[in-house]
């Protein structure tokens, strides 16, 4: 294994991690921002009003993006195992 291979592998692993977490994080961010604006406008300071919609948005994003996430993860795993036998000696 060379240093370039290890660096490339870690770069790809971080890229896949960011890609897989982005839909849920963005859904939580958008819903959290909308709830915060709503709370500011109406002067309602209820903690569950901020927490429950974010939880539902993250769960919905997970359900919607799950097939794409699994395909991305399977593709990364296949590439990892395909390249592994070349570097193991």
N, C-alpha and C. Protein backbone atom coordinates (compact mmCIF):
# COMPACT_ATOMS: atom_id res chain seq x y z
N UNK A 1 0.84 -1.18 0.00
CA UNK A 1 0.00 0.00 0.00
C UNK A 1 0.88 1.24 0.00
N UNK A 2 0.54 2.14 -0.85
CA UNK A 2 1.30 3.38 -0.92
C UNK A 2 0.57 4.47 -0.15
N UNK A 3 1.27 5.54 0.09
CA UNK A 3 0.67 6.67 0.80
C UNK A 3 -0.43 7.31 -0.05
N UNK A 4 -0.25 7.30 -1.37
CA UNK A 4 -1.28 7.86 -2.25
C UNK A 4 -2.56 7.04 -2.18
N UNK A 5 -2.44 5.74 -2.12
CA UNK A 5 -3.62 4.88 -2.03
C UNK A 5 -4.37 5.13 -0.73
N UNK A 6 -3.65 5.21 0.37
CA UNK A 6 -4.28 5.42 1.67
C UNK A 6 -4.94 6.80 1.73
N UNK A 7 -4.26 7.81 1.22
CA UNK A 7 -4.84 9.15 1.19
C UNK A 7 -6.09 9.18 0.32
N UNK A 8 -6.04 8.55 -0.83
CA UNK A 8 -7.20 8.49 -1.71
C UNK A 8 -8.36 7.74 -1.08
N UNK A 9 -8.04 6.64 -0.39
CA UNK A 9 -9.09 5.87 0.27
C UNK A 9 -9.78 6.69 1.35
N UNK A 10 -9.01 7.38 2.17
CA UNK A 10 -9.60 8.19 3.23
C UNK A 10 -10.39 9.37 2.66
N UNK A 11 -9.89 9.94 1.57
CA UNK A 11 -10.64 11.01 0.91
C UNK A 11 -11.99 10.51 0.42
N UNK A 12 -11.99 9.35 -0.24
CA UNK A 12 -13.26 8.77 -0.72
C UNK A 12 -14.19 8.41 0.44
N UNK A 13 -13.64 7.90 1.53
CA UNK A 13 -14.46 7.54 2.69
C UNK A 13 -15.11 8.78 3.30
N UNK A 14 -14.38 9.86 3.41
CA UNK A 14 -14.94 11.10 3.95
C UNK A 14 -15.98 11.67 2.99
N UNK A 15 -15.71 11.59 1.69
CA UNK A 15 -16.66 12.09 0.70
C UNK A 15 -17.97 11.30 0.76
N UNK A 16 -17.89 9.99 0.88
CA UNK A 16 -19.09 9.16 0.97
C UNK A 16 -19.84 9.47 2.27
N UNK A 17 -19.12 9.65 3.36
CA UNK A 17 -19.75 9.98 4.63
C UNK A 17 -20.51 11.29 4.55
N UNK A 18 -19.91 12.30 3.94
CA UNK A 18 -20.58 13.59 3.79
C UNK A 18 -21.79 13.48 2.87
N UNK A 19 -21.66 12.71 1.79
CA UNK A 19 -22.79 12.53 0.88
C UNK A 19 -23.95 11.81 1.56
N UNK A 20 -23.65 10.82 2.37
CA UNK A 20 -24.70 10.05 3.02
C UNK A 20 -25.39 10.84 4.14
N UNK A 21 -24.68 11.72 4.79
CA UNK A 21 -25.28 12.46 5.90
C UNK A 21 -25.94 13.76 5.45
N UNK A 22 -25.62 14.25 4.27
CA UNK A 22 -26.11 15.54 3.81
C UNK A 22 -27.64 15.64 3.73
N UNK A 23 -28.36 14.66 3.19
CA UNK A 23 -29.82 14.84 3.09
C UNK A 23 -30.50 15.02 4.45
N UNK A 24 -30.11 14.24 5.44
CA UNK A 24 -30.74 14.37 6.75
C UNK A 24 -30.34 15.69 7.43
N UNK A 25 -29.07 16.06 7.30
CA UNK A 25 -28.63 17.30 7.92
C UNK A 25 -29.29 18.52 7.28
N UNK A 26 -29.42 18.50 5.96
CA UNK A 26 -30.07 19.62 5.28
C UNK A 26 -31.55 19.70 5.61
N UNK A 27 -32.22 18.55 5.70
CA UNK A 27 -33.64 18.55 6.07
C UNK A 27 -33.82 19.11 7.48
N UNK A 28 -33.00 18.69 8.41
CA UNK A 28 -33.08 19.22 9.77
C UNK A 28 -32.77 20.70 9.83
N UNK A 29 -31.82 21.14 9.02
CA UNK A 29 -31.45 22.56 8.99
C UNK A 29 -32.59 23.41 8.46
N UNK A 30 -33.18 23.00 7.35
CA UNK A 30 -34.26 23.77 6.73
C UNK A 30 -35.48 23.82 7.65
N UNK A 31 -35.88 22.68 8.19
CA UNK A 31 -37.04 22.66 9.08
C UNK A 31 -36.75 23.43 10.36
N UNK A 32 -35.57 23.32 10.90
CA UNK A 32 -35.21 24.08 12.09
C UNK A 32 -35.25 25.58 11.85
N UNK A 33 -34.79 26.00 10.68
CA UNK A 33 -34.83 27.41 10.33
C UNK A 33 -36.27 27.90 10.18
N UNK A 34 -37.10 27.10 9.51
CA UNK A 34 -38.50 27.49 9.35
C UNK A 34 -39.24 27.54 10.69
N UNK A 35 -38.98 26.59 11.56
CA UNK A 35 -39.61 26.59 12.88
C UNK A 35 -39.12 27.77 13.70
N UNK A 36 -37.85 28.10 13.61
CA UNK A 36 -37.31 29.25 14.35
C UNK A 36 -37.94 30.55 13.87
N UNK A 37 -38.11 30.68 12.56
CA UNK A 37 -38.77 31.88 12.03
C UNK A 37 -40.21 31.94 12.52
N UNK A 38 -40.90 30.81 12.49
CA UNK A 38 -42.28 30.75 12.97
C UNK A 38 -42.36 31.11 14.45
N UNK A 39 -41.44 30.60 15.25
CA UNK A 39 -41.43 30.91 16.68
C UNK A 39 -41.12 32.39 16.93
N UNK A 40 -40.26 32.96 16.13
CA UNK A 40 -39.93 34.39 16.30
C UNK A 40 -41.13 35.26 15.94
N UNK A 41 -41.82 34.90 14.89
CA UNK A 41 -42.96 35.70 14.45
C UNK A 41 -44.11 35.60 15.44
N UNK A 42 -44.37 34.42 15.97
CA UNK A 42 -45.52 34.22 16.85
C UNK A 42 -45.18 34.32 18.33
N UNK A 43 -43.92 34.47 18.68
CA UNK A 43 -43.46 34.54 20.08
C UNK A 43 -43.83 33.30 20.88
N UNK A 44 -43.84 32.17 20.23
CA UNK A 44 -44.07 30.89 20.91
C UNK A 44 -42.70 30.27 21.20
N UNK A 45 -42.43 29.99 22.46
CA UNK A 45 -41.14 29.41 22.84
C UNK A 45 -41.32 28.02 23.43
N UNK A 46 -41.84 27.14 22.65
CA UNK A 46 -42.06 25.76 23.08
C UNK A 46 -40.95 24.89 22.50
N UNK A 47 -40.25 24.14 23.36
CA UNK A 47 -39.11 23.34 22.91
C UNK A 47 -39.55 22.19 22.00
N UNK A 48 -40.69 21.58 22.30
CA UNK A 48 -41.13 20.45 21.47
C UNK A 48 -41.53 20.91 20.08
N UNK A 49 -41.91 22.17 19.95
CA UNK A 49 -42.25 22.69 18.63
C UNK A 49 -41.03 22.72 17.72
N UNK A 50 -39.86 22.88 18.28
CA UNK A 50 -38.63 22.88 17.48
C UNK A 50 -38.09 21.48 17.28
N UNK A 51 -38.30 20.60 18.23
CA UNK A 51 -37.67 19.28 18.19
C UNK A 51 -38.43 18.29 17.33
N UNK A 52 -39.72 18.19 17.50
CA UNK A 52 -40.51 17.17 16.81
C UNK A 52 -40.53 17.36 15.29
N UNK A 53 -40.73 18.58 14.76
CA UNK A 53 -40.68 18.72 13.29
C UNK A 53 -39.31 18.35 12.70
N UNK A 54 -38.24 18.67 13.42
CA UNK A 54 -36.91 18.30 12.93
C UNK A 54 -36.75 16.79 12.90
N UNK A 55 -37.23 16.13 13.94
CA UNK A 55 -37.16 14.67 13.98
C UNK A 55 -37.94 14.05 12.82
N UNK A 56 -39.13 14.57 12.56
CA UNK A 56 -39.95 14.05 11.46
C UNK A 56 -39.30 14.33 10.10
N UNK A 57 -38.71 15.50 9.95
CA UNK A 57 -38.05 15.83 8.68
C UNK A 57 -36.85 14.94 8.42
N UNK A 58 -36.07 14.66 9.45
CA UNK A 58 -34.92 13.78 9.30
C UNK A 58 -35.37 12.37 8.97
N UNK A 59 -36.43 11.90 9.62
CA UNK A 59 -36.95 10.56 9.33
C UNK A 59 -37.49 10.48 7.91
N UNK A 60 -38.19 11.52 7.47
CA UNK A 60 -38.72 11.54 6.11
C UNK A 60 -37.59 11.58 5.08
N UNK A 61 -36.56 12.37 5.35
CA UNK A 61 -35.40 12.42 4.45
C UNK A 61 -34.71 11.06 4.39
N UNK A 62 -34.63 10.37 5.51
CA UNK A 62 -34.02 9.04 5.53
C UNK A 62 -34.83 8.07 4.68
N UNK A 63 -36.15 8.11 4.80
CA UNK A 63 -37.01 7.22 4.02
C UNK A 63 -36.90 7.53 2.52
N UNK A 64 -36.91 8.82 2.18
CA UNK A 64 -36.87 9.21 0.76
C UNK A 64 -35.52 8.89 0.12
N UNK A 65 -34.44 9.18 0.82
CA UNK A 65 -33.10 9.04 0.24
C UNK A 65 -32.44 7.69 0.53
N UNK A 66 -33.12 6.79 1.24
CA UNK A 66 -32.51 5.53 1.62
C UNK A 66 -32.05 4.68 0.42
N UNK A 67 -32.85 4.54 -0.66
CA UNK A 67 -32.34 3.75 -1.79
C UNK A 67 -31.05 4.32 -2.40
N UNK A 68 -31.00 5.64 -2.55
CA UNK A 68 -29.79 6.26 -3.08
C UNK A 68 -28.61 6.08 -2.13
N UNK A 69 -28.88 6.21 -0.83
CA UNK A 69 -27.82 6.06 0.16
C UNK A 69 -27.27 4.63 0.14
N UNK A 70 -28.14 3.65 0.06
CA UNK A 70 -27.68 2.26 0.03
C UNK A 70 -26.89 1.97 -1.24
N UNK A 71 -27.34 2.51 -2.39
CA UNK A 71 -26.60 2.30 -3.63
C UNK A 71 -25.21 2.93 -3.55
N UNK A 72 -25.12 4.11 -2.97
CA UNK A 72 -23.82 4.77 -2.81
C UNK A 72 -22.91 3.97 -1.89
N UNK A 73 -23.45 3.47 -0.79
CA UNK A 73 -22.66 2.70 0.16
C UNK A 73 -22.23 1.36 -0.43
N UNK A 74 -23.11 0.71 -1.16
CA UNK A 74 -22.77 -0.57 -1.79
C UNK A 74 -21.70 -0.35 -2.86
N UNK A 75 -21.83 0.71 -3.63
CA UNK A 75 -20.82 1.01 -4.66
C UNK A 75 -19.45 1.26 -4.03
N UNK A 76 -19.41 2.03 -2.95
CA UNK A 76 -18.14 2.30 -2.27
C UNK A 76 -17.55 1.01 -1.72
N UNK A 77 -18.38 0.16 -1.14
CA UNK A 77 -17.90 -1.10 -0.57
C UNK A 77 -17.37 -2.03 -1.65
N UNK A 78 -18.08 -2.10 -2.78
CA UNK A 78 -17.61 -2.93 -3.90
C UNK A 78 -16.27 -2.45 -4.42
N UNK A 79 -16.11 -1.14 -4.55
CA UNK A 79 -14.83 -0.59 -5.01
C UNK A 79 -13.73 -0.87 -4.01
N UNK A 80 -14.05 -0.81 -2.74
CA UNK A 80 -13.06 -1.06 -1.70
C UNK A 80 -12.59 -2.51 -1.76
N UNK A 81 -13.54 -3.45 -1.84
CA UNK A 81 -13.17 -4.86 -1.88
C UNK A 81 -12.50 -5.24 -3.20
N UNK A 82 -12.89 -4.60 -4.30
CA UNK A 82 -12.27 -4.90 -5.60
C UNK A 82 -10.81 -4.46 -5.62
N UNK A 83 -10.50 -3.34 -4.99
CA UNK A 83 -9.13 -2.84 -4.97
C UNK A 83 -8.29 -3.45 -3.87
N UNK A 84 -8.91 -4.14 -2.95
CA UNK A 84 -8.17 -4.67 -1.80
C UNK A 84 -7.22 -5.80 -2.20
N UNK A 85 -7.67 -6.70 -3.05
CA UNK A 85 -6.82 -7.84 -3.40
C UNK A 85 -5.59 -7.42 -4.21
N UNK A 86 -5.66 -6.27 -4.83
CA UNK A 86 -4.52 -5.75 -5.58
C UNK A 86 -3.41 -5.27 -4.66
N UNK A 87 -3.78 -4.79 -3.48
CA UNK A 87 -2.79 -4.20 -2.57
C UNK A 87 -2.39 -5.12 -1.43
N UNK A 88 -3.10 -6.21 -1.23
CA UNK A 88 -2.72 -7.15 -0.17
C UNK A 88 -1.70 -8.13 -0.73
N UNK A 89 -0.58 -8.30 -0.02
CA UNK A 89 0.45 -9.24 -0.48
C UNK A 89 0.99 -9.99 0.67
